[in-house]
Amino acid sequence: MSELRALTGARGLAAWAVVLYHIRGSIAGLPPRAEAVLAKGYLAVDFFVLLSGFVIWLTWGPRLYAQGMRAVPGFWRKRVARIWPLHALMLAFAAMLALLLVASGRHDPAFPFAELPLHVLLIQNWGYTDALRWNDPAWSISSEAAAYLLFPILACTIDWRRLPAAALVAIAAALLIGLHVVMRDQLSLGSDIPRFGLARCLAEFGCGTVLAALYLRRPSIVWPAIVGAVALAALVAGAPETATVPAAFAALLLLLALTAGLRGNPLETRVIHYLGDISYATYLSHFLLWKAFKLVRDAGAVPGGMIAAYLLLVLAASIALYHLWERPAQRWVNAAPLS
């Protein structure tokens, strides 16, 4: 399946929404309305997860259904190569920060060495911890790792392509309704991530796989547009985001896929697409870079010039990590023999 460049570009913009979300409270002079907008940046993770299920099913679903368990080791190796080397490098960076703090007589509760093995194994958000620690954004990588373990069972058992479109829509709706039921007492999708993050990711990842099967049938863009508009209207009217945002993002994802390749699509420009290429490095590096940045500049509100310097640092680090570590490590792991 050829790349849908618009989706890669959208992933890049979503990664920067998460970056701005994490630093919003420290930007000096940021207007309250702008801060309120940036405060919703955590929802970009929900788009990430839907997109991940979508792309992985397009790439691997038919192959796993056709080849069965023979294809599973190759799938898992590809996933390990994709997510673990950069995660491990950022954990090493976090451990260095923690040791520097200890050496200087300071202690940061975000760096508990007793929990470090859970983070190395990427199982920290499987119910083993009660708070986000070490590299906070990695909680979603941990939850997606669980989805990767379960995905071959789904793909080898059920071929979404054989089900009627109405059944696929019903399954996608059931997954998102189920997520809302699980989180019905929460004010937002970002509430209590150690408790609800895994369910959030599994439901949205599963929904993404169903959307991929719907996309292959090339439905009219009218239907996802209607679903997205209704979900947004309900959100504005006061419906909880647990019941509306995942549906809105699911509709947006399907719309982006169906309109990918159209001439003049801004998400497919070279710069935006490249931001998508390096988005995993942006996502995993920015939080720890911000902690290091704040350690060097020990202050509350950060002026605009320093914020710009930090954003340039994240961009430069993302480029370097992508080309010098992430891609080479993927090639090395994928080239290693399976037996």
C-alpha atoms as a PDB file:
ATOM      1  CA  MET A   1       0.000   0.000   0.000  1.00  0.00           C
ATOM      2  CA  SER A   2       1.535   3.329  -1.039  1.00  0.00           C
ATOM      3  CA  GLU A   3       1.950   6.040   1.577  1.00  0.00           C
ATOM      4  CA  LEU A   4      -0.914   8.443   2.184  1.00  0.00           C
ATOM      5  CA  ARG A   5       1.209  11.564   2.490  1.00  0.00           C
ATOM      6  CA  ALA A   6      -1.558  13.669   4.010  1.00  0.00           C
ATOM      7  CA  LEU A   7      -1.715  11.331   6.998  1.00  0.00           C
ATOM      8  CA  THR A   8       2.024  11.598   7.553  1.00  0.00           C
ATOM      9  CA  GLY A   9       1.747  15.384   7.450  1.00  0.00           C
ATOM     10  CA  ALA A  10      -1.162  15.351   9.892  1.00  0.00           C
ATOM     11  CA  ARG A  11       0.903  13.230  12.273  1.00  0.00           C
ATOM     12  CA  GLY A  12       3.639  15.846  12.216  1.00  0.00           C
ATOM     13  CA  LEU A  13       1.255  18.668  13.138  1.00  0.00           C
ATOM     14  CA  ALA A  14      -0.277  16.528  15.881  1.00  0.00           C
ATOM     15  CA  ALA A  15       3.168  15.933  17.400  1.00  0.00           C
ATOM     16  CA  TRP A  16       3.746  19.678  17.660  1.00  0.00           C
ATOM     17  CA  ALA A  17       0.337  20.109  19.260  1.00  0.00           C
ATOM     18  CA  VAL A  18       1.572  17.816  22.049  1.00  0.00           C
ATOM     19  CA  VAL A  19       4.800  19.822  22.358  1.00  0.00           C
ATOM     20  CA  LEU A  20       2.876  23.078  22.799  1.00  0.00           C
ATOM     21  CA  TYR A  21       0.506  21.399  25.239  1.00  0.00           C
ATOM     22  CA  HIS A  22       3.374  20.510  27.566  1.00  0.00           C
ATOM     23  CA  ILE A  23       4.977  23.966  27.591  1.00  0.00           C
ATOM     24  CA  ARG A  24       1.849  26.138  27.501  1.00  0.00           C
ATOM     25  CA  GLY A  25       1.894  26.993  31.194  1.00  0.00           C
ATOM     26  CA  SER A  26       5.403  28.412  30.991  1.00  0.00           C
ATOM     27  CA  ILE A  27       5.005  30.716  27.997  1.00  0.00           C
ATOM     28  CA  ALA A  28       5.242  34.266  29.292  1.00  0.00           C
ATOM     29  CA  GLY A  29       2.421  36.533  28.193  1.00  0.00           C
ATOM     30  CA  LEU A  30       0.378  33.801  26.537  1.00  0.00           C
ATOM     31  CA  PRO A  31      -3.243  35.023  26.260  1.00  0.00           C
ATOM     32  CA  PRO A  32      -5.728  32.919  28.245  1.00  0.00           C
ATOM     33  CA  ARG A  33      -7.678  31.972  25.118  1.00  0.00           C
ATOM     34  CA  ALA A  34      -4.527  30.774  23.398  1.00  0.00           C
ATOM     35  CA  GLU A  35      -3.553  28.771  26.471  1.00  0.00           C
ATOM     36  CA  ALA A  36      -7.030  27.221  26.531  1.00  0.00           C
ATOM     37  CA  VAL A  37      -6.570  26.078  22.932  1.00  0.00           C
ATOM     38  CA  LEU A  38      -3.098  24.663  23.621  1.00  0.00           C
ATOM     39  CA  ALA A  39      -4.469  22.936  26.729  1.00  0.00           C
ATOM     40  CA  LYS A  40      -6.376  20.570  24.440  1.00  0.00           C
ATOM     41  CA  GLY A  41      -3.170  19.404  22.758  1.00  0.00           C
ATOM     42  CA  TYR A  42      -3.243  16.123  24.681  1.00  0.00           C
ATOM     43  CA  LEU A  43      -6.105  15.072  22.389  1.00  0.00           C
ATOM     44  CA  ALA A  44      -3.596  14.777  19.538  1.00  0.00           C
ATOM     45  CA  VAL A  45      -2.629  11.446  21.089  1.00  0.00           C
ATOM     46  CA  ASP A  46      -6.095  10.107  20.291  1.00  0.00           C
ATOM     47  CA  PHE A  47      -5.557  11.021  16.648  1.00  0.00           C
ATOM     48  CA  PHE A  48      -2.124   9.341  16.757  1.00  0.00           C
ATOM     49  CA  VAL A  49      -3.587   6.083  18.012  1.00  0.00           C
ATOM     50  CA  LEU A  50      -6.440   6.009  15.505  1.00  0.00           C
ATOM     51  CA  LEU A  51      -3.925   6.721  12.755  1.00  0.00           C
ATOM     52  CA  SER A  52      -1.624   3.969  14.008  1.00  0.00           C
ATOM     53  CA  GLY A  53      -4.385   1.355  13.856  1.00  0.00           C
ATOM     54  CA  PHE A  54      -5.385   2.619  10.409  1.00  0.00           C
ATOM     55  CA  VAL A  55      -1.903   2.449   8.889  1.00  0.00           C
ATOM     56  CA  ILE A  56      -0.926  -0.822  10.528  1.00  0.00           C
ATOM     57  CA  TRP A  57      -4.065  -2.567   9.307  1.00  0.00           C
ATOM     58  CA  LEU A  58      -3.509  -1.297   5.757  1.00  0.00           C
ATOM     59  CA  THR A  59       0.073  -2.565   5.880  1.00  0.00           C
ATOM     60  CA  TRP A  60      -0.291  -5.789   7.839  1.00  0.00           C
ATOM     61  CA  GLY A  61      -3.945  -6.797   8.159  1.00  0.00           C
ATOM     62  CA  PRO A  62      -4.375  -8.579   4.808  1.00  0.00           C
ATOM     63  CA  ARG A  63      -0.900 -10.107   5.100  1.00  0.00           C
ATOM     64  CA  LEU A  64      -1.552 -11.564   8.539  1.00  0.00           C
ATOM     65  CA  TYR A  65      -4.954 -12.874   7.497  1.00  0.00           C
ATOM     66  CA  ALA A  66      -3.447 -14.534   4.431  1.00  0.00           C
ATOM     67  CA  GLN A  67      -0.282 -15.919   6.033  1.00  0.00           C
ATOM     68  CA  GLY A  68      -1.535 -16.535   9.540  1.00  0.00           C
ATOM     69  CA  MET A  69       0.886 -16.914  12.425  1.00  0.00           C
ATOM     70  CA  ARG A  70       3.844 -17.295  10.059  1.00  0.00           C
ATOM     71  CA  ALA A  71       3.806 -13.530   9.572  1.00  0.00           C
ATOM     72  CA  VAL A  72       3.567 -12.659  13.265  1.00  0.00           C
ATOM     73  CA  PRO A  73       7.311 -12.742  14.155  1.00  0.00           C
ATOM     74  CA  GLY A  74       8.041 -10.397  11.269  1.00  0.00           C
ATOM     75  CA  PHE A  75       5.284  -8.041  12.371  1.00  0.00           C
ATOM     76  CA  TRP A  76       6.499  -7.913  15.948  1.00  0.00           C
ATOM     77  CA  ARG A  77      10.096  -7.350  14.877  1.00  0.00           C
ATOM     78  CA  LYS A  78       9.027  -4.423  12.693  1.00  0.00           C
ATOM     79  CA  ARG A  79       7.123  -2.907  15.606  1.00  0.00           C
ATOM     80  CA  VAL A  80      10.025  -3.352  18.026  1.00  0.00           C
ATOM     81  CA  ALA A  81      12.363  -1.782  15.488  1.00  0.00           C
ATOM     82  CA  ARG A  82       9.981   1.129  15.059  1.00  0.00           C
ATOM     83  CA  ILE A  83       9.356   2.083  18.675  1.00  0.00           C
ATOM     84  CA  TRP A  84      11.918   0.622  21.078  1.00  0.00           C
ATOM     85  CA  PRO A  85      15.385   1.922  20.069  1.00  0.00           C
ATOM     86  CA  LEU A  86      14.411   5.591  20.289  1.00  0.00           C
ATOM     87  CA  HIS A  87      12.444   4.922  23.466  1.00  0.00           C
ATOM     88  CA  ALA A  88      15.519   3.269  24.983  1.00  0.00           C
ATOM     89  CA  LEU A  89      17.739   6.194  23.996  1.00  0.00           C
ATOM     90  CA  MET A  90      15.386   8.713  25.575  1.00  0.00           C
ATOM     91  CA  LEU A  91      15.220   6.610  28.740  1.00  0.00           C
ATOM     92  CA  ALA A  92      19.018   6.673  28.846  1.00  0.00           C
ATOM     93  CA  PHE A  93      18.874  10.454  28.543  1.00  0.00           C
ATOM     94  CA  ALA A  94      16.322  10.580  31.360  1.00  0.00           C
ATOM     95  CA  ALA A  95      18.548   8.379  33.534  1.00  0.00           C
ATOM     96  CA  MET A  96      21.437  10.770  32.879  1.00  0.00           C
ATOM     97  CA  LEU A  97      19.269  13.695  34.008  1.00  0.00           C
ATOM     98  CA  ALA A  98      18.247  11.760  37.109  1.00  0.00           C
ATOM     99  CA  LEU A  99      21.859  10.973  38.020  1.00  0.00           C
ATOM    100  CA  LEU A 100      22.863  14.602  37.510  1.00  0.00           C
ATOM    101  CA  LEU A 101      20.104  15.650  39.881  1.00  0.00           C
ATOM    102  CA  VAL A 102      21.224  13.109  42.465  1.00  0.00           C
ATOM    103  CA  ALA A 103      24.824  14.275  42.127  1.00  0.00           C
ATOM    104  CA  SER A 104      23.707  17.848  42.738  1.00  0.00           C
ATOM    105  CA  GLY A 105      21.777  16.869  45.847  1.00  0.00           C
ATOM    106  CA  ARG A 106      18.338  17.128  44.280  1.00  0.00           C
ATOM    107  CA  HIS A 107      15.661  14.476  43.864  1.00  0.00           C
ATOM    108  CA  ASP A 108      12.969  14.439  41.206  1.00  0.00           C
ATOM    109  CA  PRO A 109      10.025  12.111  41.984  1.00  0.00           C
ATOM    110  CA  ALA A 110       9.473  11.797  38.227  1.00  0.00           C
ATOM    111  CA  PHE A 111      12.581   9.588  38.076  1.00  0.00           C
ATOM    112  CA  PRO A 112      11.997   6.579  40.371  1.00  0.00           C
ATOM    113  CA  PHE A 113      14.734   4.045  39.615  1.00  0.00           C
ATOM    114  CA  ALA A 114      12.605   1.206  41.036  1.00  0.00           C
ATOM    115  CA  GLU A 115      10.138   1.701  38.155  1.00  0.00           C
ATOM    116  CA  LEU A 116      12.769   1.944  35.446  1.00  0.00           C
ATOM    117  CA  PRO A 117      12.582  -1.749  34.385  1.00  0.00           C
ATOM    118  CA  LEU A 118       8.863  -1.329  33.640  1.00  0.00           C
ATOM    119  CA  HIS A 119       9.684   1.563  31.320  1.00  0.00           C
ATOM    120  CA  VAL A 120      12.506  -0.332  29.639  1.00  0.00           C
ATOM    121  CA  LEU A 121      10.062  -3.141  28.873  1.00  0.00           C
ATOM    122  CA  LEU A 122       7.364  -0.646  27.788  1.00  0.00           C
ATOM    123  CA  ILE A 123       4.802  -2.098  30.164  1.00  0.00           C
ATOM    124  CA  GLN A 124       4.591   0.863  32.546  1.00  0.00           C
ATOM    125  CA  ASN A 125       1.073   1.814  31.477  1.00  0.00           C
ATOM    126  CA  TRP A 126      -0.365  -1.682  31.750  1.00  0.00           C
ATOM    127  CA  GLY A 127      -1.663  -1.053  35.270  1.00  0.00           C
ATOM    128  CA  TYR A 128       1.693  -1.294  37.032  1.00  0.00           C
ATOM    129  CA  THR A 129       2.098   2.400  37.892  1.00  0.00           C
ATOM    130  CA  ASP A 130      -0.107   5.108  39.341  1.00  0.00           C
ATOM    131  CA  ALA A 131       1.464   8.171  37.712  1.00  0.00           C
ATOM    132  CA  LEU A 132       3.329   9.220  34.584  1.00  0.00           C
ATOM    133  CA  ARG A 133       7.063   9.111  35.228  1.00  0.00           C
ATOM    134  CA  TRP A 134      10.419   9.146  33.464  1.00  0.00           C
ATOM    135  CA  ASN A 135       9.386  10.205  29.942  1.00  0.00           C
ATOM    136  CA  ASP A 136       5.690  11.079  30.280  1.00  0.00           C
ATOM    137  CA  PRO A 137       4.682  10.814  26.572  1.00  0.00           C
ATOM    138  CA  ALA A 138       5.936   7.216  26.485  1.00  0.00           C
ATOM    139  CA  TRP A 139       2.733   6.126  28.238  1.00  0.00           C
ATOM    140  CA  SER A 140       1.049   5.987  24.842  1.00  0.00           C
ATOM    141  CA  ILE A 141       3.929   3.986  23.361  1.00  0.00           C
ATOM    142  CA  SER A 142       3.509   1.510  26.215  1.00  0.00           C
ATOM    143  CA  SER A 143      -0.215   1.240  25.515  1.00  0.00           C
ATOM    144  CA  GLU A 144       0.353   0.881  21.785  1.00  0.00           C
ATOM    145  CA  ALA A 145       2.836  -1.910  22.506  1.00  0.00           C
ATOM    146  CA  ALA A 146      -0.070  -3.810  24.054  1.00  0.00           C
ATOM    147  CA  ALA A 147      -2.112  -3.146  20.913  1.00  0.00           C
ATOM    148  CA  TYR A 148       0.747  -4.498  18.796  1.00  0.00           C
ATOM    149  CA  LEU A 149       0.786  -7.699  20.832  1.00  0.00           C
ATOM    150  CA  LEU A 150      -2.954  -8.188  20.351  1.00  0.00           C
ATOM    151  CA  PHE A 151      -3.224  -7.033  16.749  1.00  0.00           C
ATOM    152  CA  PRO A 152      -2.045 -10.298  15.100  1.00  0.00           C
ATOM    153  CA  ILE A 153      -4.768 -12.209  16.952  1.00  0.00           C
ATOM    154  CA  LEU A 154      -7.360  -9.832  15.519  1.00  0.00           C
ATOM    155  CA  ALA A 155      -5.887  -9.814  12.028  1.00  0.00           C
ATOM    156  CA  CYS A 156      -5.444 -13.600  11.874  1.00  0.00           C
ATOM    157  CA  THR A 157      -8.980 -14.212  13.112  1.00  0.00           C
ATOM    158  CA  ILE A 158     -11.160 -11.635  11.365  1.00  0.00           C
ATOM    159  CA  ASP A 159     -10.782 -10.135   7.928  1.00  0.00           C
ATOM    160  CA  TRP A 160     -12.559  -6.783   8.076  1.00  0.00           C
ATOM    161  CA  ARG A 161     -12.739  -6.789   4.269  1.00  0.00           C
ATOM    162  CA  ARG A 162     -15.306  -9.603   4.335  1.00  0.00           C
ATOM    163  CA  LEU A 163     -17.789  -7.784   6.550  1.00  0.00           C
ATOM    164  CA  PRO A 164     -20.522  -5.466   5.241  1.00  0.00           C
ATOM    165  CA  ALA A 165     -19.850  -1.765   5.587  1.00  0.00           C
ATOM    166  CA  ALA A 166     -22.754  -1.437   8.024  1.00  0.00           C
ATOM    167  CA  ALA A 167     -21.174  -4.046  10.278  1.00  0.00           C
ATOM    168  CA  LEU A 168     -17.846  -2.215  10.185  1.00  0.00           C
ATOM    169  CA  VAL A 169     -19.507   1.056  11.138  1.00  0.00           C
ATOM    170  CA  ALA A 170     -21.313  -0.703  13.987  1.00  0.00           C
ATOM    171  CA  ILE A 171     -18.059  -2.230  15.273  1.00  0.00           C
ATOM    172  CA  ALA A 172     -16.247   1.105  15.149  1.00  0.00           C
ATOM    173  CA  ALA A 173     -19.127   2.773  16.976  1.00  0.00           C
ATOM    174  CA  ALA A 174     -19.231   0.009  19.580  1.00  0.00           C
ATOM    175  CA  LEU A 175     -15.510   0.426  20.313  1.00  0.00           C
ATOM    176  CA  LEU A 176     -15.833   4.169  20.824  1.00  0.00           C
ATOM    177  CA  ILE A 177     -19.048   3.857  22.830  1.00  0.00           C
ATOM    178  CA  GLY A 178     -17.328   1.252  24.968  1.00  0.00           C
ATOM    179  CA  LEU A 179     -14.474   3.672  25.616  1.00  0.00           C
ATOM    180  CA  HIS A 180     -16.966   6.330  26.694  1.00  0.00           C
ATOM    181  CA  VAL A 181     -18.704   3.886  29.017  1.00  0.00           C
ATOM    182  CA  VAL A 182     -15.389   2.954  30.635  1.00  0.00           C
ATOM    183  CA  MET A 183     -14.487   6.642  31.090  1.00  0.00           C
ATOM    184  CA  ARG A 184     -17.997   7.979  31.658  1.00  0.00           C
ATOM    185  CA  ASP A 185     -17.141   9.538  35.037  1.00  0.00           C
ATOM    186  CA  GLN A 186     -14.066  11.343  33.707  1.00  0.00           C
ATOM    187  CA  LEU A 187     -14.018  14.976  32.624  1.00  0.00           C
ATOM    188  CA  SER A 188     -11.620  14.403  29.742  1.00  0.00           C
ATOM    189  CA  LEU A 189      -9.876  11.748  27.700  1.00  0.00           C
ATOM    190  CA  GLY A 190      -6.637  12.716  29.426  1.00  0.00           C
ATOM    191  CA  SER A 191      -7.941  11.928  32.904  1.00  0.00           C
ATOM    192  CA  ASP A 192      -6.034   9.389  35.023  1.00  0.00           C
ATOM    193  CA  ILE A 193      -3.883   8.028  32.205  1.00  0.00           C
ATOM    194  CA  PRO A 194      -2.312   5.216  34.290  1.00  0.00           C
ATOM    195  CA  ARG A 195      -5.826   3.886  34.896  1.00  0.00           C
ATOM    196  CA  PHE A 196      -7.580   4.591  31.593  1.00  0.00           C
ATOM    197  CA  GLY A 197      -4.798   5.102  29.049  1.00  0.00           C
ATOM    198  CA  LEU A 198      -4.586   1.453  28.041  1.00  0.00           C
ATOM    199  CA  ALA A 199      -8.316   1.152  27.364  1.00  0.00           C
ATOM    200  CA  ARG A 200      -8.208   4.469  25.515  1.00  0.00           C
ATOM    201  CA  CYS A 201      -5.469   3.240  23.197  1.00  0.00           C
ATOM    202  CA  LEU A 202      -6.864  -0.239  22.610  1.00  0.00           C
ATOM    203  CA  ALA A 203     -10.329   1.075  21.708  1.00  0.00           C
ATOM    204  CA  GLU A 204      -8.990   3.768  19.384  1.00  0.00           C
ATOM    205  CA  PHE A 205      -6.396   1.501  17.790  1.00  0.00           C
ATOM    206  CA  GLY A 206      -9.093  -1.077  17.101  1.00  0.00           C
ATOM    207  CA  CYS A 207     -11.335   1.610  15.644  1.00  0.00           C
ATOM    208  CA  GLY A 208      -8.463   2.695  13.402  1.00  0.00           C
ATOM    209  CA  THR A 209      -8.195  -0.808  11.935  1.00  0.00           C
ATOM    210  CA  VAL A 210     -11.898  -0.763  11.099  1.00  0.00           C
ATOM    211  CA  LEU A 211     -11.570   2.663   9.468  1.00  0.00           C
ATOM    212  CA  ALA A 212      -8.844   1.262   7.229  1.00  0.00           C
ATOM    213  CA  ALA A 213     -11.196  -1.433   5.950  1.00  0.00           C
ATOM    214  CA  LEU A 214     -13.869   1.200   5.343  1.00  0.00           C
ATOM    215  CA  TYR A 215     -11.366   3.378   3.493  1.00  0.00           C
ATOM    216  CA  LEU A 216     -10.583   0.567   1.044  1.00  0.00           C
ATOM    217  CA  ARG A 217     -14.226   0.684  -0.052  1.00  0.00           C
ATOM    218  CA  ARG A 218     -13.811   4.348  -0.983  1.00  0.00           C
ATOM    219  CA  PRO A 219     -17.010   5.641   0.608  1.00  0.00           C
ATOM    220  CA  SER A 220     -18.342   9.097  -0.156  1.00  0.00           C
ATOM    221  CA  ILE A 221     -16.728  11.841   1.914  1.00  0.00           C
ATOM    222  CA  VAL A 222     -20.228  13.006   2.823  1.00  0.00           C
ATOM    223  CA  TRP A 223     -20.702  10.386   5.540  1.00  0.00           C
ATOM    224  CA  PRO A 224     -17.537  11.051   7.564  1.00  0.00           C
ATOM    225  CA  ALA A 225     -18.138  14.775   7.118  1.00  0.00           C
ATOM    226  CA  ILE A 226     -21.605  14.410   8.653  1.00  0.00           C
ATOM    227  CA  VAL A 227     -20.314  12.267  11.520  1.00  0.00           C
ATOM    228  CA  GLY A 228     -17.539  14.741  12.244  1.00  0.00           C
ATOM    229  CA  ALA A 229     -19.899  17.715  12.159  1.00  0.00           C
ATOM    230  CA  VAL A 230     -22.395  16.017  14.494  1.00  0.00           C
ATOM    231  CA  ALA A 231     -19.644  15.026  16.939  1.00  0.00           C
ATOM    232  CA  LEU A 232     -18.223  18.548  17.024  1.00  0.00           C
ATOM    233  CA  ALA A 233     -21.668  20.074  17.439  1.00  0.00           C
ATOM    234  CA  ALA A 234     -22.342  17.747  20.359  1.00  0.00           C
ATOM    235  CA  LEU A 235     -19.010  18.703  21.935  1.00  0.00           C
ATOM    236  CA  VAL A 236     -19.787  22.404  21.625  1.00  0.00           C
ATOM    237  CA  ALA A 237     -23.241  21.773  23.096  1.00  0.00           C
ATOM    238  CA  GLY A 238     -21.653  20.284  26.199  1.00  0.00           C
ATOM    239  CA  ALA A 239     -21.391  16.558  25.495  1.00  0.00           C
ATOM    240  CA  PRO A 240     -18.301  14.996  27.127  1.00  0.00           C
ATOM    241  CA  GLU A 241     -15.189  14.692  25.001  1.00  0.00           C
ATOM    242  CA  THR A 242     -15.006  10.982  25.785  1.00  0.00           C
ATOM    243  CA  ALA A 243     -18.193  10.596  23.732  1.00  0.00           C
ATOM    244  CA  THR A 244     -17.386  13.048  20.947  1.00  0.00           C
ATOM    245  CA  VAL A 245     -13.678  13.626  20.287  1.00  0.00           C
ATOM    246  CA  PRO A 246     -12.755  10.065  19.260  1.00  0.00           C
ATOM    247  CA  ALA A 247     -15.686  10.015  16.820  1.00  0.00           C
ATOM    248  CA  ALA A 248     -14.684  13.417  15.437  1.00  0.00           C
ATOM    249  CA  PHE A 249     -11.088  12.273  14.967  1.00  0.00           C
ATOM    250  CA  ALA A 250     -12.223   9.016  13.366  1.00  0.00           C
ATOM    251  CA  ALA A 251     -14.263  11.017  10.856  1.00  0.00           C
ATOM    252  CA  LEU A 252     -11.334  13.391  10.270  1.00  0.00           C
ATOM    253  CA  LEU A 253      -8.949  10.490   9.686  1.00  0.00           C
ATOM    254  CA  LEU A 254     -11.246   8.932   7.113  1.00  0.00           C
ATOM    255  CA  LEU A 255     -11.715  12.301   5.401  1.00  0.00           C
ATOM    256  CA  LEU A 256      -7.959  12.895   5.249  1.00  0.00           C
ATOM    257  CA  ALA A 257      -7.373   9.452   3.791  1.00  0.00           C
ATOM    258  CA  LEU A 258     -10.117   9.808   1.188  1.00  0.00           C
ATOM    259  CA  THR A 259      -8.850  13.231   0.079  1.00  0.00           C
ATOM    260  CA  ALA A 260      -5.144  12.325   0.152  1.00  0.00           C
ATOM    261  CA  GLY A 261      -3.380  13.015  -3.099  1.00  0.00           C
ATOM    262  CA  LEU A 262      -5.594  15.902  -4.119  1.00  0.00           C
ATOM    263  CA  ARG A 263      -3.628  18.647  -5.785  1.00  0.00           C
ATOM    264  CA  GLY A 264      -2.663  21.467  -3.456  1.00  0.00           C
ATOM    265  CA  ASN A 265      -3.215  19.506  -0.244  1.00  0.00           C
ATOM    266  CA  PRO A 266      -1.193  21.506   2.344  1.00  0.00           C
ATOM    267  CA  LEU A 267      -0.571  18.404   4.436  1.00  0.00           C
ATOM    268  CA  GLU A 268       1.405  16.905   1.571  1.00  0.00           C
ATOM    269  CA  THR A 269       3.886  19.746   1.111  1.00  0.00           C
ATOM    270  CA  ARG A 270       7.518  18.796   1.570  1.00  0.00           C
ATOM    271  CA  VAL A 271       8.001  20.607   4.874  1.00  0.00           C
ATOM    272  CA  ILE A 272       4.815  19.343   6.557  1.00  0.00           C
ATOM    273  CA  HIS A 273       5.428  15.823   5.299  1.00  0.00           C
ATOM    274  CA  TYR A 274       8.963  15.911   6.706  1.00  0.00           C
ATOM    275  CA  LEU A 275       7.594  16.987  10.089  1.00  0.00           C
ATOM    276  CA  GLY A 276       5.525  13.810   9.930  1.00  0.00           C
ATOM    277  CA  ASP A 277       8.593  11.718   9.122  1.00  0.00           C
ATOM    278  CA  ILE A 278      10.391  12.979  12.224  1.00  0.00           C
ATOM    279  CA  SER A 279       7.275  13.159  14.410  1.00  0.00           C
ATOM    280  CA  TYR A 280       8.121  10.116  16.545  1.00  0.00           C
ATOM    281  CA  ALA A 281      11.431  11.714  17.490  1.00  0.00           C
ATOM    282  CA  THR A 282       9.617  14.979  18.209  1.00  0.00           C
ATOM    283  CA  TYR A 283       7.046  13.228  20.360  1.00  0.00           C
ATOM    284  CA  LEU A 284       9.496  11.190  22.437  1.00  0.00           C
ATOM    285  CA  SER A 285      12.224  13.820  22.847  1.00  0.00           C
ATOM    286  CA  HIS A 286      10.395  17.063  23.551  1.00  0.00           C
ATOM    287  CA  PHE A 287       9.295  16.363  27.134  1.00  0.00           C
ATOM    288  CA  LEU A 288      12.738  15.446  28.431  1.00  0.00           C
ATOM    289  CA  LEU A 289      14.316  18.290  26.461  1.00  0.00           C
ATOM    290  CA  TRP A 290      11.905  20.644  28.195  1.00  0.00           C
ATOM    291  CA  LYS A 291      12.895  19.279  31.599  1.00  0.00           C
ATOM    292  CA  ALA A 292      16.554  19.779  30.726  1.00  0.00           C
ATOM    293  CA  PHE A 293      15.808  23.238  29.332  1.00  0.00           C
ATOM    294  CA  LYS A 294      14.028  24.241  32.536  1.00  0.00           C
ATOM    295  CA  LEU A 295      16.893  22.914  34.654  1.00  0.00           C
ATOM    296  CA  VAL A 296      19.333  25.150  32.801  1.00  0.00           C
ATOM    297  CA  ARG A 297      16.958  28.101  32.955  1.00  0.00           C
ATOM    298  CA  ASP A 298      15.535  27.750  36.444  1.00  0.00           C
ATOM    299  CA  ALA A 299      12.589  30.153  36.283  1.00  0.00           C
ATOM    300  CA  GLY A 300       8.818  30.304  36.007  1.00  0.00           C
ATOM    301  CA  ALA A 301       7.497  32.094  32.949  1.00  0.00           C
ATOM    302  CA  VAL A 302       9.730  31.773  29.890  1.00  0.00           C
ATOM    303  CA  PRO A 303       9.916  34.709  27.453  1.00  0.00           C
ATOM    304  CA  GLY A 304       9.057  34.267  23.794  1.00  0.00           C
ATOM    305  CA  GLY A 305      12.646  34.292  22.593  1.00  0.00           C
ATOM    306  CA  MET A 306      13.585  31.428  24.886  1.00  0.00           C
ATOM    307  CA  ILE A 307      10.471  29.507  23.867  1.00  0.00           C
ATOM    308  CA  ALA A 308      11.523  29.909  20.232  1.00  0.00           C
ATOM    309  CA  ALA A 309      15.011  28.649  21.152  1.00  0.00           C
ATOM    310  CA  TYR A 310      13.491  25.584  22.816  1.00  0.00           C
ATOM    311  CA  LEU A 311      11.259  24.847  19.809  1.00  0.00           C
ATOM    312  CA  LEU A 312      14.272  25.087  17.508  1.00  0.00           C
ATOM    313  CA  LEU A 313      16.116  22.728  19.862  1.00  0.00           C
ATOM    314  CA  VAL A 314      13.276  20.203  19.609  1.00  0.00           C
ATOM    315  CA  LEU A 315      13.264  20.485  15.824  1.00  0.00           C
ATOM    316  CA  ALA A 316      17.046  20.056  15.577  1.00  0.00           C
ATOM    317  CA  ALA A 317      16.980  17.131  18.008  1.00  0.00           C
ATOM    318  CA  SER A 318      14.141  15.491  16.067  1.00  0.00           C
ATOM    319  CA  ILE A 319      16.080  15.741  12.818  1.00  0.00           C
ATOM    320  CA  ALA A 320      19.267  14.386  14.388  1.00  0.00           C
ATOM    321  CA  LEU A 321      17.527  11.563  16.243  1.00  0.00           C
ATOM    322  CA  TYR A 322      15.591  10.516  13.158  1.00  0.00           C
ATOM    323  CA  HIS A 323      18.586  10.352  10.821  1.00  0.00           C
ATOM    324  CA  LEU A 324      21.358   9.319  13.221  1.00  0.00           C
ATOM    325  CA  TRP A 325      19.551   6.920  15.556  1.00  0.00           C
ATOM    326  CA  GLU A 326      15.934   6.079  14.740  1.00  0.00           C
ATOM    327  CA  ARG A 327      16.374   5.030  11.089  1.00  0.00           C
ATOM    328  CA  PRO A 328      19.751   3.259  11.510  1.00  0.00           C
ATOM    329  CA  ALA A 329      18.427   1.349  14.531  1.00  0.00           C
ATOM    330  CA  GLN A 330      15.360   0.265  12.566  1.00  0.00           C
ATOM    331  CA  ARG A 331      17.545  -1.063   9.765  1.00  0.00           C
ATOM    332  CA  TRP A 332      19.775  -2.926  12.229  1.00  0.00           C
ATOM    333  CA  VAL A 333      16.895  -4.576  14.116  1.00  0.00           C
ATOM    334  CA  ASN A 334      15.049  -5.480  10.917  1.00  0.00           C
ATOM    335  CA  ALA A 335      18.184  -7.038   9.468  1.00  0.00           C
ATOM    336  CA  ALA A 336      18.798  -9.226  12.502  1.00  0.00           C
ATOM    337  CA  PRO A 337      17.838 -12.894  12.059  1.00  0.00           C
ATOM    338  CA  LEU A 338      14.647 -14.029  13.784  1.00  0.00           C
ATOM    339  CA  SER A 339      16.108 -17.314  14.960  1.00  0.00           C
END
